[in-house]
C-alpha cells in the first residue's frame, strides 16, 4: 500500500514549522485551525483513524479558501484521543475522561494564546454527543482563562442535538440549518463517510469488503438505542456501521468535502469580519 503526503496528519501543519515561523505567523495575525477526532471502529471497510483523516483534510481545504480571502491560517496537529461512548464496546475504540480532554484543551489553547494567536477555530471529526460537548466545554474553559477567541465550528443541527444554544458566542455555526434528509439514517461508516474516504484516501478503504455490504436498514428507534452507546450500539450494529456504505462514491465525497470546506471558511471569515468591525486594530492584524 503506497503512502502519500495527504495521509500524514502532520503534513502542512505547524509541526513542520520552526518556532521562528510560528512566532511570525502569530505576530502577523494568523488564525489557528484545530481538528478533534478519535480512534474508533468504522465498520469492516474503513480504518480506525477515519475521524482523524477526514477533519484534517477539511482543514486543508478551509486553509486554502481562507488564503484566497487574504486570511492566513495555520493548522494545528490533530487531537485524536477523544471521547468514545457509542463505539466504546468495540475493539480499537478508545476514549478518555471528559474532564481530562477539557483540561488538555484548556492548557493547550492557553499556550496558543500566550504565543499571540487570538483566534482558534476547533472542528470535530467525530459525531459522539459527549465528545462534541466536551470540545465546547474545553473552548469555554480556555476562553475564561486566557485572552483568546476560541470557538467550536459546527453545524446548527449538531449544536441543537447536543444541547448547545445556537447563540452561544463560543460557537461558529456553519452550513445550512435544515432538517435531516428523509430516508433511513446514515450516521456512521455509511454512505456519506465512506464517500469522503473514497475521495480523500481511497487506498485506506477496503473496497472488496465495502462493495458487498448490505444497508444496515435501521430507523430512528434503532438510532436512539445506538446512541446510548457501548453494548447497546454493538447490539444494534454488530458490524459497526449504520447506513449504506455500498452506495458510496468518490464523486459524492468530493462534493461533500468541497461544500463543507466552503461553509466553514465562510463562517470563519464572517466571525473575523465581525471581530474586526468592533476592533479595527484586530482587523489589520488578521489581514497581515
Protein backbone atom coordinates (compact mmCIF):
# COMPACT_ATOMS: atom_id res chain seq x y z
CA UNK A 1 0.00 0.00 0.00
CA UNK A 2 1.61 3.25 -1.12
CA UNK A 3 1.94 6.23 1.16
CA UNK A 4 1.07 9.77 0.19
CA UNK A 5 1.58 13.07 1.94
CA UNK A 6 -2.14 13.67 2.49
CA UNK A 7 -2.20 10.69 4.86
CA UNK A 8 0.46 12.30 7.04
CA UNK A 9 -1.56 14.19 9.67
CA UNK A 10 1.48 16.39 10.40
CA UNK A 11 1.86 17.42 6.75
CA UNK A 12 1.14 21.09 6.25
CA UNK A 13 0.66 21.72 9.97
CA UNK A 14 2.61 23.96 12.31
CA UNK A 15 4.52 20.84 13.40
CA UNK A 16 6.60 21.29 10.24
CA UNK A 17 7.43 24.94 11.00
CA UNK A 18 10.23 26.33 13.14
CA UNK A 19 9.35 28.30 16.24
CA UNK A 20 10.52 31.46 14.47
CA UNK A 21 7.99 30.82 11.70
CA UNK A 22 5.19 30.11 14.15
CA UNK A 23 6.04 33.24 16.11
CA UNK A 24 5.98 35.36 12.96
CA UNK A 25 2.63 33.88 11.94
CA UNK A 26 1.13 34.79 15.30
CA UNK A 27 2.54 38.31 15.09
CA UNK A 28 1.06 38.76 11.61
CA UNK A 29 -2.42 37.83 12.83
CA UNK A 30 -2.73 34.26 11.56
CA UNK A 31 -5.57 32.18 12.98
CA UNK A 32 -5.38 28.54 14.04
CA UNK A 33 -7.49 25.61 12.82
CA UNK A 34 -7.63 22.54 15.08
CA UNK A 35 -9.37 19.19 14.50
CA UNK A 36 -10.63 16.91 17.27
CA UNK A 37 -11.15 13.30 16.31
CA UNK A 38 -10.97 9.89 17.90
CA UNK A 39 -9.60 6.45 17.14
CA UNK A 40 -12.60 4.14 16.80
CA UNK A 41 -14.04 1.33 14.74
CA UNK A 42 -15.57 2.28 11.41
CA UNK A 43 -17.08 -0.96 10.25
CA UNK A 44 -15.22 -3.69 8.38
CA UNK A 45 -14.25 -1.38 5.49
CA UNK A 46 -12.83 1.87 6.91
CA UNK A 47 -9.75 2.48 9.10
CA UNK A 48 -9.99 3.35 12.78
CA UNK A 49 -8.42 6.74 12.03
CA UNK A 50 -11.31 7.87 9.80
CA UNK A 51 -12.43 10.54 12.28
CA UNK A 52 -8.91 12.00 12.18
CA UNK A 53 -8.22 11.80 8.45
CA UNK A 54 -11.48 13.47 7.44
CA UNK A 55 -11.36 16.64 9.57
CA UNK A 56 -7.66 17.14 8.78
CA UNK A 57 -8.50 17.08 5.07
CA UNK A 58 -11.33 19.51 5.67
CA UNK A 59 -8.99 21.93 7.42
CA UNK A 60 -6.59 21.84 4.48
CA UNK A 61 -9.45 22.90 2.25
CA UNK A 62 -10.52 25.62 4.69
CA UNK A 63 -6.95 26.91 4.89
CA UNK A 64 -6.77 27.26 1.10
CA UNK A 65 -10.11 29.08 0.90
CA UNK A 66 -9.16 31.47 3.69
CA UNK A 67 -5.89 32.24 1.90
CA UNK A 68 -7.91 33.24 -1.17
CA UNK A 69 -9.70 35.75 1.08
CA UNK A 70 -6.39 37.17 2.33
CA UNK A 71 -6.62 35.39 5.69
CA UNK A 72 -3.69 33.28 6.86
CA UNK A 73 -4.42 30.16 8.89
CA UNK A 74 -2.13 27.56 10.42
CA UNK A 75 -3.32 24.02 11.07
CA UNK A 76 -2.63 22.53 14.50
CA UNK A 77 -1.76 18.79 14.50
CA UNK A 78 -5.00 16.92 15.23
CA UNK A 79 -6.11 15.84 18.68
CA UNK A 80 -7.23 12.21 18.40
CA UNK A 81 -7.64 10.84 21.92
CA UNK A 82 -11.23 11.94 22.19
CA UNK A 83 -14.33 10.60 23.89
CA UNK A 84 -15.96 7.43 22.70
CA UNK A 85 -19.36 6.41 24.01
CA UNK A 86 -21.15 4.94 21.01
CA UNK A 87 -18.34 2.64 19.81
CA UNK A 88 -16.95 2.09 23.28
CA UNK A 89 -17.69 -1.65 23.32
CA UNK A 90 -15.79 -2.35 20.07
CA UNK A 91 -12.09 -3.16 19.84
CA UNK A 92 -9.78 -0.32 18.76
CA UNK A 93 -12.25 2.30 20.02
CA UNK A 94 -10.51 4.36 22.66
CA UNK A 95 -11.59 7.25 24.82
CA UNK A 96 -10.53 9.48 27.67
CA UNK A 97 -12.46 11.10 30.51
CA UNK A 98 -14.25 14.33 29.51
CA UNK A 99 -12.61 16.32 32.29
CA UNK A 100 -9.17 15.18 31.09
CA UNK A 101 -9.85 16.21 27.50
CA UNK A 102 -11.27 19.56 28.66
CA UNK A 103 -8.17 20.34 30.72
CA UNK A 104 -5.76 19.30 27.96
CA UNK A 105 -7.66 21.56 25.57
CA UNK A 106 -7.64 24.46 28.01
CA UNK A 107 -3.92 24.14 28.68
CA UNK A 108 -3.02 23.98 25.00
CA UNK A 109 -5.36 26.80 23.99
CA UNK A 110 -3.87 28.92 26.77
CA UNK A 111 -0.41 28.23 25.34
CA UNK A 112 -1.56 29.23 21.86
CA UNK A 113 -2.94 32.48 23.29
CA UNK A 114 0.35 33.10 25.08
CA UNK A 115 2.11 32.80 21.71
CA UNK A 116 -0.10 35.61 20.42
CA UNK A 117 -2.74 33.67 18.48
CA UNK A 118 -6.01 35.50 19.02
CA UNK A 119 -8.38 33.17 17.15
CA UNK A 120 -8.55 29.38 17.32
CA UNK A 121 -11.25 27.51 15.42
CA UNK A 122 -11.93 23.98 16.71
CA UNK A 123 -13.54 21.35 14.50
CA UNK A 124 -14.90 17.91 15.30
CA UNK A 125 -14.38 14.80 13.23
CA UNK A 126 -16.49 12.62 15.50
CA UNK A 127 -20.26 12.60 15.99
CA UNK A 128 -20.40 11.36 19.59
CA UNK A 129 -22.51 13.81 21.62
CA UNK A 130 -20.28 13.79 24.70
CA UNK A 131 -17.17 14.28 22.58
CA UNK A 132 -18.67 17.38 20.99
CA UNK A 133 -20.00 18.81 24.25
CA UNK A 134 -16.50 18.39 25.65
CA UNK A 135 -14.95 20.30 22.74
CA UNK A 136 -17.33 23.15 23.56
CA UNK A 137 -16.50 22.83 27.25
CA UNK A 138 -12.77 22.97 26.51
CA UNK A 139 -13.24 26.07 24.36
CA UNK A 140 -15.32 27.74 27.07
CA UNK A 141 -12.84 26.89 29.81
CA UNK A 142 -9.88 28.24 27.83
CA UNK A 143 -11.77 31.42 26.97
CA UNK A 144 -12.35 32.02 30.67
CA UNK A 145 -8.66 31.55 31.49
CA UNK A 146 -6.93 33.26 28.57
CA UNK A 147 -7.35 36.14 26.15
CA UNK A 148 -8.31 34.01 23.17
CA UNK A 149 -11.29 33.95 20.85
CA UNK A 150 -11.65 30.18 20.70
CA UNK A 151 -14.77 28.74 19.14
CA UNK A 152 -16.30 25.42 18.15
CA UNK A 153 -17.09 25.33 14.43
CA UNK A 154 -20.13 23.14 13.92
CA UNK A 155 -23.44 22.73 12.13
CA UNK A 156 -26.63 24.14 13.69
CA UNK A 157 -28.24 20.67 13.73
CA UNK A 158 -25.38 19.17 15.75
CA UNK A 159 -25.39 22.10 18.18
CA UNK A 160 -29.09 21.56 18.84
CA UNK A 161 -28.73 17.79 19.15
CA UNK A 162 -26.12 18.07 21.89
CA UNK A 163 -28.00 20.77 23.78
CA UNK A 164 -26.00 23.89 22.89
CA UNK A 165 -27.55 27.32 22.43
CA UNK A 166 -27.06 28.41 18.80
CA UNK A 167 -26.46 31.95 20.08
CA UNK A 168 -23.56 30.83 22.28
CA UNK A 169 -20.59 33.14 21.47
CA UNK A 170 -18.25 30.15 21.63
CA UNK A 171 -19.92 28.60 18.59
CA UNK A 172 -19.10 29.39 14.97
CA UNK A 173 -22.07 27.93 13.12
CA UNK A 174 -21.64 26.85 9.52
CA UNK A 175 -23.73 25.11 6.92
CA UNK A 176 -27.46 25.11 6.29
CA UNK A 177 -29.91 24.92 9.16
CA UNK A 178 -32.04 22.20 7.64
CA UNK A 179 -33.83 19.09 8.92
CA UNK A 180 -32.08 15.77 8.32
CA UNK A 181 -32.71 14.20 4.90
CA UNK A 182 -35.58 11.79 4.53
CA UNK A 183 -34.91 8.10 4.44
CA UNK A 184 -33.02 5.67 6.69
CA UNK A 185 -30.40 7.31 8.94
CA UNK A 186 -26.84 7.20 7.65
CA UNK A 187 -24.69 8.24 10.57
CA UNK A 188 -21.57 6.09 10.95
CA UNK A 189 -19.30 4.46 8.36
CA UNK A 190 -22.23 4.62 5.96
CA UNK A 191 -22.69 6.31 2.60
CA UNK A 192 -21.50 9.86 3.34
CA UNK A 193 -18.50 8.98 5.50
CA UNK A 194 -17.40 6.21 3.15
CA UNK A 195 -17.80 8.56 0.17
CA UNK A 196 -15.44 11.04 1.80
CA UNK A 197 -12.82 8.36 2.45
CA UNK A 198 -13.16 7.06 -1.13
CA UNK A 199 -12.47 10.59 -2.38
CA UNK A 200 -9.70 11.54 0.06
CA UNK A 201 -7.96 8.27 0.93
CA UNK A 202 -9.14 5.51 -1.43
CA UNK A 203 -6.16 3.35 -0.54
CA UNK A 204 -7.47 3.01 3.01
CA UNK A 205 -10.95 1.81 2.01
CA UNK A 206 -11.31 -1.98 1.96
CA UNK A 207 -13.14 -1.87 -1.36
CA UNK A 208 -13.65 -5.59 -1.70
CA UNK A 209 -15.49 -5.54 1.64
CA UNK A 210 -17.37 -2.26 1.13
CA UNK A 211 -18.89 -3.27 -2.19
CA UNK A 212 -20.72 -6.25 -0.72
CA UNK A 213 -22.02 -4.69 2.50
CA UNK A 214 -25.79 -4.61 2.86
CA UNK A 215 -27.55 -1.43 4.04
CA UNK A 216 -27.99 -1.52 7.79
CA UNK A 217 -31.73 -0.91 7.29
CA UNK A 218 -32.13 0.75 10.67
CA UNK A 219 -34.52 3.52 11.58
CA UNK A 220 -34.91 6.30 14.17
CA UNK A 221 -35.79 3.97 17.04
CA UNK A 222 -32.65 1.91 16.48
CA UNK A 223 -30.66 5.13 16.19
CA UNK A 224 -31.88 6.24 19.61
CA UNK A 225 -30.77 2.93 21.10
CA UNK A 226 -27.44 3.05 19.22
CA UNK A 227 -26.68 6.48 20.65
CA UNK A 228 -26.84 5.07 24.16
CA UNK A 229 -23.51 3.54 23.27
CA UNK A 230 -21.34 0.68 24.42
CA UNK A 231 -23.17 -2.67 24.42
CA UNK A 232 -26.37 -1.03 23.08
CA UNK A 233 -24.58 0.19 19.97
CA UNK A 234 -22.75 -3.06 19.41
CA UNK A 235 -26.00 -4.97 19.63
CA UNK A 236 -27.74 -2.66 17.11
CA UNK A 237 -24.77 -2.57 14.70
CA UNK A 238 -22.71 -5.74 15.25
CA UNK A 239 -20.62 -4.99 12.15
CA UNK A 240 -20.01 -1.42 13.29
CA UNK A 241 -21.68 0.60 10.54
CA UNK A 242 -25.00 2.47 10.45
CA UNK A 243 -26.02 3.33 6.90
CA UNK A 244 -25.29 2.17 3.37
CA UNK A 245 -21.56 2.12 2.55
CA UNK A 246 -22.08 0.16 -0.68
CA UNK A 247 -23.94 3.19 -2.09
CA UNK A 248 -20.94 5.47 -1.53
CA UNK A 249 -18.92 7.05 -4.33
CA UNK A 250 -15.79 9.16 -4.63
CA UNK A 251 -17.73 11.75 -6.61
CA UNK A 252 -20.18 12.25 -3.78
CA UNK A 253 -17.27 12.50 -1.37
CA UNK A 254 -15.73 15.26 -3.47
CA UNK A 255 -18.98 17.24 -3.38
CA UNK A 256 -19.37 16.80 0.38
CA UNK A 257 -15.76 17.82 1.02
CA UNK A 258 -15.93 20.93 -1.15
CA UNK A 259 -19.21 22.12 0.37
CA UNK A 260 -18.05 21.54 3.96
CA UNK A 261 -14.80 23.45 3.44
CA UNK A 262 -16.59 26.34 1.76
CA UNK A 263 -19.20 26.60 4.51
CA UNK A 264 -16.57 26.58 7.26
CA UNK A 265 -14.38 29.15 5.50
CA UNK A 266 -17.38 31.44 5.04
CA UNK A 267 -18.31 31.14 8.72
CA UNK A 268 -14.75 31.84 9.89
CA UNK A 269 -14.37 34.83 7.59
CA UNK A 270 -17.68 36.22 8.87
CA UNK A 271 -16.59 35.86 12.51
CA UNK A 272 -13.29 37.58 11.77
CA UNK A 273 -15.05 40.44 9.95
CA UNK A 274 -17.34 40.95 12.92
CA UNK A 275 -14.36 40.97 15.25
CA UNK A 276 -12.55 43.44 13.03
CA UNK A 277 -15.55 45.79 12.90
CA UNK A 278 -15.54 46.02 16.68
CA UNK A 279 -11.74 46.26 16.91
CA UNK A 280 -10.06 47.92 13.87
CA UNK A 281 -6.54 47.07 15.15
CA UNK A 282 -7.51 43.41 15.23
CA UNK A 283 -8.73 43.66 11.65
CA UNK A 284 -5.36 44.97 10.45
CA UNK A 285 -3.58 42.09 12.19
CA UNK A 286 -5.81 39.43 10.62
CA UNK A 287 -5.01 40.69 7.14
CA UNK A 288 -1.29 40.86 7.78
